[in-house]
N, C-alpha and C. Protein backbone atom coordinates (compact mmCIF):
# COMPACT_ATOMS: atom_id res chain seq x y z
N MET A 1 -20.91 -18.36 43.46
CA MET A 1 -21.55 -17.87 42.31
C MET A 1 -20.71 -16.73 41.63
N LYS A 2 -20.15 -15.89 42.55
CA LYS A 2 -19.40 -14.72 42.11
C LYS A 2 -18.14 -15.25 41.34
N LYS A 3 -17.52 -16.39 41.94
CA LYS A 3 -16.34 -16.84 41.38
C LYS A 3 -16.60 -17.55 40.00
N LYS A 4 -17.75 -18.10 39.79
CA LYS A 4 -18.10 -18.69 38.54
C LYS A 4 -18.26 -17.55 37.47
N ILE A 5 -18.96 -16.51 37.83
CA ILE A 5 -19.17 -15.43 36.85
C ILE A 5 -17.78 -14.75 36.55
N LEU A 6 -16.95 -14.69 37.59
CA LEU A 6 -15.69 -13.97 37.38
C LEU A 6 -14.76 -14.86 36.44
N LEU A 7 -14.81 -16.11 36.69
CA LEU A 7 -14.03 -17.10 35.79
C LEU A 7 -14.59 -17.10 34.50
N SER A 8 -15.84 -17.07 34.33
CA SER A 8 -16.54 -17.06 32.94
C SER A 8 -16.05 -15.77 32.23
N VAL A 9 -16.16 -14.58 32.83
CA VAL A 9 -15.68 -13.37 32.25
C VAL A 9 -14.17 -13.50 31.83
N LEU A 10 -13.38 -13.92 32.65
CA LEU A 10 -11.88 -14.11 32.44
C LEU A 10 -11.66 -15.03 31.25
N ALA A 11 -12.35 -16.18 31.32
CA ALA A 11 -12.25 -17.14 30.21
C ALA A 11 -12.64 -16.58 28.82
N PHE A 12 -13.75 -15.84 28.80
CA PHE A 12 -14.26 -15.26 27.76
C PHE A 12 -13.22 -14.10 27.18
N GLY A 13 -12.67 -13.35 28.11
CA GLY A 13 -11.54 -12.36 27.74
C GLY A 13 -10.36 -12.98 27.12
N LEU A 14 -9.94 -14.11 27.81
CA LEU A 14 -8.72 -14.82 27.25
C LEU A 14 -9.06 -15.31 25.81
N ALA A 15 -10.27 -16.02 25.69
CA ALA A 15 -10.47 -16.56 24.36
C ALA A 15 -10.66 -15.42 23.29
N SER A 16 -11.23 -14.31 23.69
CA SER A 16 -11.31 -13.16 22.74
C SER A 16 -9.93 -12.61 22.32
N SER A 17 -9.08 -12.58 23.43
CA SER A 17 -7.69 -12.04 22.98
C SER A 17 -6.83 -12.98 22.17
N LEU A 18 -7.21 -14.21 22.14
CA LEU A 18 -6.57 -15.20 21.28
C LEU A 18 -7.00 -14.91 19.76
N ASN A 19 -8.11 -14.38 19.57
CA ASN A 19 -8.57 -14.17 18.26
C ASN A 19 -8.30 -12.72 17.70
N ALA A 20 -7.67 -11.99 18.58
CA ALA A 20 -7.32 -10.58 18.26
C ALA A 20 -6.24 -10.51 17.07
N TYR A 21 -6.29 -9.44 16.38
CA TYR A 21 -5.29 -9.24 15.23
C TYR A 21 -4.37 -8.08 15.70
N GLU A 22 -3.14 -8.25 15.60
CA GLU A 22 -2.13 -7.18 15.85
C GLU A 22 -0.93 -7.30 14.81
N LEU A 23 -0.30 -6.18 14.72
CA LEU A 23 0.90 -6.15 13.77
C LEU A 23 1.98 -7.13 14.33
N ASN A 24 2.62 -7.83 13.35
CA ASN A 24 3.70 -8.81 13.81
C ASN A 24 4.83 -8.65 12.73
N GLY A 25 5.35 -7.47 12.64
CA GLY A 25 6.49 -7.17 11.77
C GLY A 25 6.22 -5.80 11.04
N ASP A 26 7.00 -5.67 9.97
CA ASP A 26 6.89 -4.45 9.11
C ASP A 26 5.95 -4.47 7.98
N LEU A 27 5.22 -3.49 7.66
CA LEU A 27 4.42 -3.40 6.45
C LEU A 27 5.42 -3.30 5.22
N GLY A 28 5.02 -4.16 4.34
CA GLY A 28 5.81 -4.28 3.04
C GLY A 28 4.94 -3.65 1.96
N VAL A 29 5.57 -2.77 1.23
CA VAL A 29 4.91 -1.98 -0.02
C VAL A 29 5.72 -2.30 -1.15
N LYS A 30 5.09 -2.67 -2.24
CA LYS A 30 5.77 -3.05 -3.50
C LYS A 30 4.98 -2.34 -4.66
N TRP A 31 5.66 -1.76 -5.57
CA TRP A 31 5.17 -1.21 -6.69
C TRP A 31 5.71 -1.82 -7.99
N THR A 32 5.02 -1.92 -9.04
CA THR A 32 5.61 -2.33 -10.30
C THR A 32 5.10 -1.45 -11.48
N GLY A 33 6.04 -0.77 -12.03
CA GLY A 33 5.80 0.08 -13.12
C GLY A 33 6.16 -0.66 -14.41
N PHE A 34 5.81 -0.10 -15.59
CA PHE A 34 6.08 -0.86 -16.87
C PHE A 34 6.67 0.09 -17.91
N LYS A 35 7.54 -0.58 -18.71
CA LYS A 35 8.22 0.17 -19.82
C LYS A 35 8.35 -0.83 -21.03
N LEU A 36 8.77 -0.25 -22.10
CA LEU A 36 8.96 -1.00 -23.39
C LEU A 36 7.56 -1.38 -23.96
N ALA A 37 7.45 -1.69 -25.29
CA ALA A 37 6.33 -2.11 -26.03
C ALA A 37 5.83 -3.44 -25.42
N SER A 38 6.85 -4.34 -25.07
CA SER A 38 6.54 -5.64 -24.42
C SER A 38 6.03 -5.42 -22.95
N LYS A 39 5.85 -4.30 -22.46
CA LYS A 39 5.37 -4.02 -21.08
C LYS A 39 6.12 -4.80 -20.10
N VAL A 40 7.50 -4.63 -19.95
CA VAL A 40 8.37 -5.21 -19.01
C VAL A 40 8.10 -4.44 -17.66
N GLY A 41 7.97 -5.25 -16.62
CA GLY A 41 7.74 -4.71 -15.24
C GLY A 41 8.91 -4.39 -14.63
N VAL A 42 9.11 -3.32 -13.81
CA VAL A 42 10.20 -2.88 -12.98
C VAL A 42 9.49 -2.63 -11.57
N SER A 43 10.03 -3.35 -10.61
CA SER A 43 9.55 -3.26 -9.19
C SER A 43 10.33 -2.60 -8.25
N GLY A 44 9.81 -2.25 -7.18
CA GLY A 44 10.64 -1.60 -6.02
C GLY A 44 9.59 -1.31 -4.80
N THR A 45 10.09 -0.60 -3.96
CA THR A 45 9.45 -0.23 -2.80
C THR A 45 9.81 1.15 -2.39
N PHE A 46 9.46 1.55 -1.09
CA PHE A 46 9.94 2.91 -0.48
C PHE A 46 10.67 2.54 0.73
N ASN A 47 11.68 3.39 1.13
CA ASN A 47 12.49 3.10 2.29
C ASN A 47 11.85 3.61 3.57
N THR A 48 10.97 4.64 3.34
CA THR A 48 10.47 5.28 4.62
C THR A 48 8.83 5.14 4.55
N ILE A 49 8.46 4.16 5.33
CA ILE A 49 6.82 3.95 5.31
C ILE A 49 6.49 3.93 6.83
N ASN A 50 5.61 4.82 7.18
CA ASN A 50 5.12 4.89 8.59
C ASN A 50 3.70 4.34 8.60
N LEU A 51 3.51 3.39 9.52
CA LEU A 51 2.23 2.73 9.60
C LEU A 51 1.77 2.84 11.11
N ASP A 52 0.46 3.20 11.22
CA ASP A 52 -0.23 3.22 12.62
C ASP A 52 -1.35 2.24 12.44
N ILE A 53 -1.29 1.34 13.15
CA ILE A 53 -2.39 0.28 13.15
C ILE A 53 -2.75 -0.11 14.54
N LYS A 54 -4.03 -0.42 14.74
CA LYS A 54 -4.47 -0.86 16.21
C LYS A 54 -4.78 -2.26 16.22
N LYS A 55 -4.45 -2.87 17.29
CA LYS A 55 -4.87 -4.23 17.59
C LYS A 55 -6.35 -4.25 17.64
N SER A 56 -6.92 -5.29 16.99
CA SER A 56 -8.51 -5.26 16.86
C SER A 56 -8.91 -6.82 17.02
N GLU A 57 -10.13 -6.95 17.33
CA GLU A 57 -10.73 -8.32 17.50
C GLU A 57 -11.11 -8.94 16.15
N SER A 58 -11.29 -8.11 15.22
CA SER A 58 -11.62 -8.71 13.82
C SER A 58 -10.68 -8.15 12.79
N LEU A 59 -10.56 -8.98 11.77
CA LEU A 59 -9.75 -8.59 10.66
C LEU A 59 -10.07 -7.46 9.98
N THR A 60 -11.47 -7.19 9.76
CA THR A 60 -12.03 -5.99 9.15
C THR A 60 -11.54 -4.76 10.02
N GLU A 61 -11.78 -4.77 11.26
CA GLU A 61 -11.48 -3.63 12.11
C GLU A 61 -9.97 -3.36 12.15
N PHE A 62 -9.30 -4.43 12.13
CA PHE A 62 -7.77 -4.21 12.27
C PHE A 62 -7.22 -3.59 10.90
N LEU A 63 -7.78 -3.99 9.75
CA LEU A 63 -7.30 -3.33 8.53
C LEU A 63 -7.88 -1.94 8.35
N LYS A 64 -9.14 -1.77 8.89
CA LYS A 64 -9.64 -0.44 8.74
C LYS A 64 -8.97 0.58 9.70
N SER A 65 -8.33 0.23 10.74
CA SER A 65 -7.57 1.02 11.65
C SER A 65 -6.20 1.45 11.07
N ALA A 66 -5.79 0.86 10.01
CA ALA A 66 -4.52 1.16 9.38
C ALA A 66 -4.44 2.52 8.79
N LYS A 67 -3.32 3.27 9.11
CA LYS A 67 -2.99 4.50 8.37
C LYS A 67 -1.53 4.54 8.00
N VAL A 68 -1.30 4.73 6.72
CA VAL A 68 0.03 4.67 6.31
C VAL A 68 0.48 6.03 5.65
N LYS A 69 1.68 6.38 5.78
CA LYS A 69 2.29 7.55 5.26
C LYS A 69 3.59 7.23 4.60
N ILE A 70 3.82 7.46 3.27
CA ILE A 70 5.01 6.96 2.57
C ILE A 70 5.72 8.36 2.10
N ASP A 71 7.15 8.44 2.34
CA ASP A 71 7.79 9.56 1.99
C ASP A 71 8.19 9.25 0.50
N THR A 72 7.67 10.00 -0.45
CA THR A 72 8.01 9.72 -1.91
C THR A 72 9.50 9.83 -2.26
N LYS A 73 10.24 10.69 -1.49
CA LYS A 73 11.66 10.77 -1.80
C LYS A 73 12.50 9.62 -1.28
N SER A 74 11.77 8.59 -0.60
CA SER A 74 12.44 7.32 -0.35
C SER A 74 12.15 6.21 -1.30
N PHE A 75 11.72 6.60 -2.49
CA PHE A 75 11.47 5.69 -3.60
C PHE A 75 12.74 4.74 -3.76
N GLU A 76 12.49 3.43 -3.92
CA GLU A 76 13.64 2.55 -4.01
C GLU A 76 13.33 1.49 -5.11
N SER A 77 14.14 1.41 -6.10
CA SER A 77 14.09 0.47 -7.18
C SER A 77 15.33 -0.40 -7.33
N ASN A 78 16.33 -0.14 -6.45
CA ASN A 78 17.63 -0.80 -6.52
C ASN A 78 18.38 -0.49 -7.71
N ASP A 79 18.21 0.82 -8.20
CA ASP A 79 18.88 1.35 -9.25
C ASP A 79 18.99 2.86 -9.15
N ALA A 80 20.10 3.32 -8.68
CA ALA A 80 20.18 4.73 -8.31
C ALA A 80 19.80 5.72 -9.42
N GLY A 81 20.11 5.36 -10.69
CA GLY A 81 19.70 6.29 -11.76
C GLY A 81 18.20 6.32 -11.90
N ARG A 82 17.53 5.17 -11.79
CA ARG A 82 16.18 5.01 -11.92
C ARG A 82 15.45 5.80 -10.82
N ASN A 83 16.09 5.54 -9.56
CA ASN A 83 15.37 6.23 -8.37
C ASN A 83 15.55 7.72 -8.60
N ASN A 84 16.66 8.29 -9.11
CA ASN A 84 16.73 9.74 -9.28
C ASN A 84 15.81 10.26 -10.34
N SER A 85 15.68 9.47 -11.42
CA SER A 85 14.69 9.83 -12.60
C SER A 85 13.34 10.00 -12.12
N ILE A 86 12.93 9.05 -11.39
CA ILE A 86 11.48 9.03 -10.85
C ILE A 86 11.21 10.00 -9.81
N VAL A 87 12.13 10.10 -8.81
CA VAL A 87 11.97 11.18 -7.81
C VAL A 87 12.08 12.59 -8.34
N SER A 88 12.93 12.84 -9.24
CA SER A 88 13.16 14.16 -9.77
C SER A 88 11.96 14.54 -10.71
N THR A 89 11.28 13.58 -11.30
CA THR A 89 10.23 14.02 -12.25
C THR A 89 8.80 13.64 -11.56
N LEU A 90 8.51 12.48 -11.48
CA LEU A 90 7.14 11.98 -11.00
C LEU A 90 6.83 12.70 -9.60
N PHE A 91 7.72 12.64 -8.62
CA PHE A 91 7.49 13.15 -7.37
C PHE A 91 7.82 14.49 -7.11
N SER A 92 8.86 14.95 -7.60
CA SER A 92 9.42 16.26 -7.37
C SER A 92 8.48 17.42 -8.01
N LEU A 93 7.95 17.05 -9.19
CA LEU A 93 6.93 17.93 -9.98
C LEU A 93 5.57 17.86 -9.44
N ALA A 94 5.32 16.90 -8.62
CA ALA A 94 3.98 16.75 -7.96
C ALA A 94 4.01 17.58 -6.81
N SER A 95 2.86 18.06 -6.30
CA SER A 95 2.65 18.90 -5.19
C SER A 95 2.76 18.38 -3.73
N SER A 96 2.59 16.99 -3.84
CA SER A 96 2.68 16.45 -2.37
C SER A 96 3.92 15.51 -2.38
N LYS A 97 4.50 15.51 -1.21
CA LYS A 97 5.71 14.63 -0.94
C LYS A 97 5.54 13.38 -0.30
N THR A 98 4.22 13.13 -0.05
CA THR A 98 3.86 11.84 0.74
C THR A 98 2.78 11.15 -0.12
N ILE A 99 2.61 9.89 0.11
CA ILE A 99 1.51 9.18 -0.30
C ILE A 99 0.84 8.62 0.89
N GLU A 100 -0.41 8.72 1.06
CA GLU A 100 -1.07 8.33 2.33
C GLU A 100 -2.24 7.38 1.92
N GLY A 101 -2.51 6.52 2.87
CA GLY A 101 -3.58 5.49 2.60
C GLY A 101 -4.30 5.02 3.88
N THR A 102 -5.52 4.78 3.76
CA THR A 102 -6.42 4.22 4.77
C THR A 102 -7.30 3.25 4.06
N ILE A 103 -7.78 2.21 4.77
CA ILE A 103 -8.65 1.28 4.23
C ILE A 103 -10.15 1.68 4.55
N LEU A 104 -10.92 1.87 3.51
CA LEU A 104 -12.38 2.38 3.87
C LEU A 104 -13.22 1.20 4.07
N SER A 105 -12.98 0.08 3.44
CA SER A 105 -13.94 -1.08 3.66
C SER A 105 -13.22 -2.31 3.38
N VAL A 106 -13.69 -3.40 3.95
CA VAL A 106 -13.16 -4.72 3.68
C VAL A 106 -14.34 -5.73 3.51
N ASP A 107 -14.26 -6.63 2.44
CA ASP A 107 -15.37 -7.59 2.27
C ASP A 107 -14.52 -8.91 2.44
N GLU A 108 -14.79 -9.51 3.47
CA GLU A 108 -14.06 -10.77 3.87
C GLU A 108 -14.61 -11.99 3.07
N THR A 109 -15.86 -11.87 2.55
CA THR A 109 -16.36 -12.87 1.77
C THR A 109 -15.69 -12.86 0.37
N LYS A 110 -15.60 -11.72 -0.20
CA LYS A 110 -15.14 -11.61 -1.47
C LYS A 110 -13.56 -11.46 -1.55
N LYS A 111 -13.02 -11.27 -0.31
CA LYS A 111 -11.58 -10.99 -0.20
C LYS A 111 -11.02 -9.92 -0.96
N SER A 112 -11.83 -8.76 -0.65
CA SER A 112 -11.43 -7.59 -1.33
C SER A 112 -11.54 -6.32 -0.28
N LEU A 113 -10.88 -5.25 -0.63
CA LEU A 113 -10.84 -4.08 0.25
C LEU A 113 -10.74 -2.82 -0.67
N VAL A 114 -11.08 -1.71 -0.05
CA VAL A 114 -11.03 -0.54 -0.71
C VAL A 114 -10.04 0.38 -0.01
N LEU A 115 -8.90 0.69 -0.73
CA LEU A 115 -7.80 1.52 -0.12
C LEU A 115 -8.09 3.03 -0.58
N ASN A 116 -8.13 3.82 0.43
CA ASN A 116 -8.44 5.26 0.09
C ASN A 116 -7.03 5.90 -0.09
N LEU A 117 -6.59 6.09 -1.30
CA LEU A 117 -5.18 6.62 -1.62
C LEU A 117 -5.13 7.96 -1.88
N VAL A 118 -4.17 8.71 -1.14
CA VAL A 118 -3.98 10.20 -1.42
C VAL A 118 -2.51 10.42 -1.96
N MET A 119 -2.59 10.96 -3.19
CA MET A 119 -1.19 11.19 -3.73
C MET A 119 -1.48 12.56 -4.64
N ASN A 120 -0.56 13.41 -4.50
CA ASN A 120 -0.54 14.71 -5.24
C ASN A 120 -1.81 15.51 -4.86
N GLU A 121 -2.15 15.43 -3.60
CA GLU A 121 -3.32 16.12 -3.06
C GLU A 121 -4.57 15.65 -3.80
N THR A 122 -4.65 14.45 -4.33
CA THR A 122 -5.88 13.84 -5.07
C THR A 122 -6.13 12.43 -4.27
N THR A 123 -7.41 12.36 -3.96
CA THR A 123 -7.83 11.23 -3.27
C THR A 123 -8.60 10.28 -4.12
N LYS A 124 -8.32 8.98 -4.23
CA LYS A 124 -9.02 7.98 -4.99
C LYS A 124 -9.13 6.71 -4.36
N PRO A 125 -10.37 6.10 -4.31
CA PRO A 125 -10.61 4.73 -3.82
C PRO A 125 -10.04 3.71 -4.74
N ILE A 126 -9.25 2.75 -4.21
CA ILE A 126 -8.66 1.84 -5.05
C ILE A 126 -9.05 0.35 -4.53
N THR A 127 -9.78 -0.36 -5.40
CA THR A 127 -10.17 -1.67 -4.99
C THR A 127 -9.09 -2.71 -5.12
N MET A 128 -8.78 -3.32 -4.15
CA MET A 128 -7.75 -4.41 -4.17
C MET A 128 -8.22 -5.71 -3.70
N SER A 129 -7.75 -6.84 -4.36
CA SER A 129 -7.99 -8.16 -3.80
C SER A 129 -6.96 -8.56 -2.80
N TYR A 130 -7.29 -9.45 -1.83
CA TYR A 130 -6.30 -9.74 -0.89
C TYR A 130 -6.39 -11.36 -0.62
N GLU A 131 -5.30 -11.79 -0.11
CA GLU A 131 -5.22 -13.17 0.39
C GLU A 131 -4.61 -13.15 1.72
N ILE A 132 -4.80 -14.24 2.46
CA ILE A 132 -4.07 -14.40 3.78
C ILE A 132 -3.18 -15.57 3.66
N ASN A 133 -1.86 -15.39 3.85
CA ASN A 133 -0.96 -16.54 3.68
C ASN A 133 0.10 -16.44 4.79
N ASP A 134 0.27 -17.39 5.58
CA ASP A 134 1.20 -17.58 6.65
C ASP A 134 1.29 -16.38 7.49
N GLY A 135 0.00 -15.93 8.06
CA GLY A 135 -0.08 -14.82 8.91
C GLY A 135 0.18 -13.44 8.35
N LYS A 136 -0.05 -13.32 7.04
CA LYS A 136 0.14 -12.05 6.36
C LYS A 136 -0.98 -11.76 5.48
N VAL A 137 -1.49 -10.55 5.44
CA VAL A 137 -2.47 -10.14 4.50
C VAL A 137 -1.64 -9.54 3.30
N VAL A 138 -1.92 -10.08 2.13
CA VAL A 138 -1.23 -9.66 0.93
C VAL A 138 -2.38 -9.13 -0.04
N ALA A 139 -2.31 -7.76 -0.25
CA ALA A 139 -3.39 -7.10 -1.04
C ALA A 139 -2.77 -6.57 -2.31
N LYS A 140 -3.40 -6.69 -3.43
CA LYS A 140 -2.96 -6.24 -4.80
C LYS A 140 -4.03 -5.50 -5.45
N GLY A 141 -3.51 -4.48 -6.32
CA GLY A 141 -4.34 -3.53 -7.00
C GLY A 141 -3.63 -2.76 -8.07
N VAL A 142 -4.28 -1.96 -8.84
CA VAL A 142 -3.65 -1.22 -9.86
C VAL A 142 -4.09 0.30 -9.69
N ILE A 143 -3.07 1.21 -9.84
CA ILE A 143 -3.58 2.65 -9.93
C ILE A 143 -3.05 3.12 -11.30
N ASP A 144 -3.56 4.30 -11.69
CA ASP A 144 -3.03 4.97 -12.92
C ASP A 144 -2.57 6.45 -12.38
N ILE A 145 -1.30 6.60 -12.71
CA ILE A 145 -0.62 7.92 -12.10
C ILE A 145 -1.49 9.09 -12.63
N LEU A 146 -2.04 8.95 -13.81
CA LEU A 146 -2.80 10.10 -14.49
C LEU A 146 -4.10 10.42 -13.62
N ASP A 147 -4.51 9.44 -12.86
CA ASP A 147 -5.75 9.67 -12.13
C ASP A 147 -5.57 10.56 -10.86
N PHE A 148 -4.19 10.77 -10.58
CA PHE A 148 -3.72 11.61 -9.44
C PHE A 148 -3.22 12.93 -9.93
N ASN A 149 -3.63 13.47 -11.04
CA ASN A 149 -3.36 14.77 -11.56
C ASN A 149 -1.84 14.89 -11.77
N MET A 150 -1.17 13.82 -12.29
CA MET A 150 0.28 13.92 -12.42
C MET A 150 0.67 13.80 -13.81
N LYS A 151 -0.15 14.44 -14.78
CA LYS A 151 0.13 14.30 -16.15
C LYS A 151 1.56 15.07 -16.45
N SER A 152 1.74 16.18 -15.95
CA SER A 152 2.93 16.90 -16.35
C SER A 152 4.12 16.18 -15.81
N SER A 153 4.06 15.71 -14.47
CA SER A 153 5.15 14.82 -13.93
C SER A 153 5.37 13.57 -14.85
N TYR A 154 4.29 12.92 -15.17
CA TYR A 154 4.37 11.60 -15.97
C TYR A 154 4.93 12.08 -17.33
N GLU A 155 4.57 13.04 -17.87
CA GLU A 155 5.28 13.46 -19.27
C GLU A 155 6.78 13.80 -19.16
N ALA A 156 7.20 14.39 -17.93
CA ALA A 156 8.46 14.75 -17.78
C ALA A 156 9.34 13.47 -17.55
N PHE A 157 8.69 12.45 -16.87
CA PHE A 157 9.36 11.18 -16.47
C PHE A 157 9.43 10.42 -17.83
N SER A 158 8.46 10.36 -18.61
CA SER A 158 8.48 9.75 -19.94
C SER A 158 9.69 10.29 -20.86
N LYS A 159 9.85 11.54 -20.81
CA LYS A 159 10.75 12.33 -21.65
C LYS A 159 12.22 11.93 -21.16
N VAL A 160 12.35 11.96 -19.83
CA VAL A 160 13.69 11.65 -19.38
C VAL A 160 14.11 10.16 -19.56
N CYS A 161 13.19 9.28 -19.51
CA CYS A 161 13.32 7.90 -19.76
C CYS A 161 13.20 7.30 -21.17
N SER A 162 12.84 8.22 -22.08
CA SER A 162 12.50 7.70 -23.43
C SER A 162 13.53 6.88 -24.13
N ALA A 163 14.77 7.16 -23.98
CA ALA A 163 15.81 6.31 -24.62
C ALA A 163 15.77 4.97 -23.97
N LEU A 164 15.75 4.85 -22.69
CA LEU A 164 15.86 3.62 -21.97
C LEU A 164 14.58 2.75 -22.14
N HIS A 165 13.48 3.45 -22.41
CA HIS A 165 12.17 2.86 -22.49
C HIS A 165 11.70 2.60 -23.92
N GLU A 166 12.56 2.91 -24.85
CA GLU A 166 12.28 2.78 -26.25
C GLU A 166 11.09 3.63 -26.50
N ASN A 167 10.80 4.75 -25.94
CA ASN A 167 9.88 5.74 -26.11
C ASN A 167 8.38 5.16 -25.76
N VAL A 168 8.38 4.12 -24.81
CA VAL A 168 7.08 3.51 -24.28
C VAL A 168 7.23 3.41 -22.78
N SER A 169 6.51 4.21 -22.14
CA SER A 169 6.25 4.16 -20.70
C SER A 169 4.79 4.09 -20.42
N TYR A 170 4.47 3.47 -19.44
CA TYR A 170 2.94 3.23 -19.02
C TYR A 170 2.61 4.01 -17.71
N SER A 171 1.48 4.39 -17.71
CA SER A 171 1.06 5.21 -16.47
C SER A 171 0.41 4.29 -15.35
N ASP A 172 0.06 3.01 -15.86
CA ASP A 172 -0.55 2.18 -14.82
C ASP A 172 0.59 1.55 -14.04
N VAL A 173 0.19 1.33 -12.70
CA VAL A 173 1.24 0.85 -11.77
C VAL A 173 0.62 -0.28 -10.85
N ASN A 174 1.06 -1.41 -10.83
CA ASN A 174 0.57 -2.35 -9.85
C ASN A 174 1.06 -2.07 -8.46
N ILE A 175 0.26 -2.10 -7.45
CA ILE A 175 0.61 -1.93 -6.16
C ILE A 175 0.25 -3.07 -5.24
N GLU A 176 1.04 -3.25 -4.23
CA GLU A 176 0.86 -4.36 -3.32
C GLU A 176 1.38 -4.09 -1.94
N PHE A 177 0.55 -4.58 -0.96
CA PHE A 177 1.19 -4.38 0.42
C PHE A 177 1.04 -5.72 1.13
N THR A 178 1.95 -6.02 1.97
CA THR A 178 2.04 -7.10 2.85
C THR A 178 1.99 -6.74 4.31
N LEU A 179 1.01 -7.21 4.98
CA LEU A 179 0.73 -6.75 6.33
C LEU A 179 0.88 -7.97 7.30
N PRO A 180 1.89 -8.23 7.98
CA PRO A 180 2.01 -9.34 8.85
C PRO A 180 1.34 -9.14 10.20
N PHE A 181 0.57 -10.18 10.64
CA PHE A 181 -0.23 -10.07 11.90
C PHE A 181 -0.10 -11.30 12.64
N LYS A 182 -0.50 -11.17 13.88
CA LYS A 182 -0.56 -12.35 14.79
C LYS A 182 -1.80 -12.40 15.52
């Protein structure tokens, strides 16, 4: 009898671990800003992204355990001049040197989540939609730089880039993250 109970417990444990979610690669972060009257997108990432996430039995708990911290000076657009313009205005004039995020809630039925984003010492909940493709959670949303008390930084950025942007820059930025799991 004890063997049957022990085997049942082991079988349940094994089956449960097969459904566990854990990180399987690096977190990908993508941003897309916009310029020109035709609203041309310019995309990039950050080179220094620190993620702490715990293995969990459910997708919701897995995502809610995630804590990310991004070094704003590691901004990357694959254009050294653009990187310098953005880091020296948007981020250097802002009071915080990191962007931090945690996931407050997940709605698996609606495939949406709420990202608690901290930038420039301002915290905002950002609703994002997500999909699961090939073992990756891909979430997308939009932020407005001005919602993070970055008006003076944004104005400095717009001024520095005015000639290249034909005097049109946008404060909204598409954000996306890709979280591989197994």
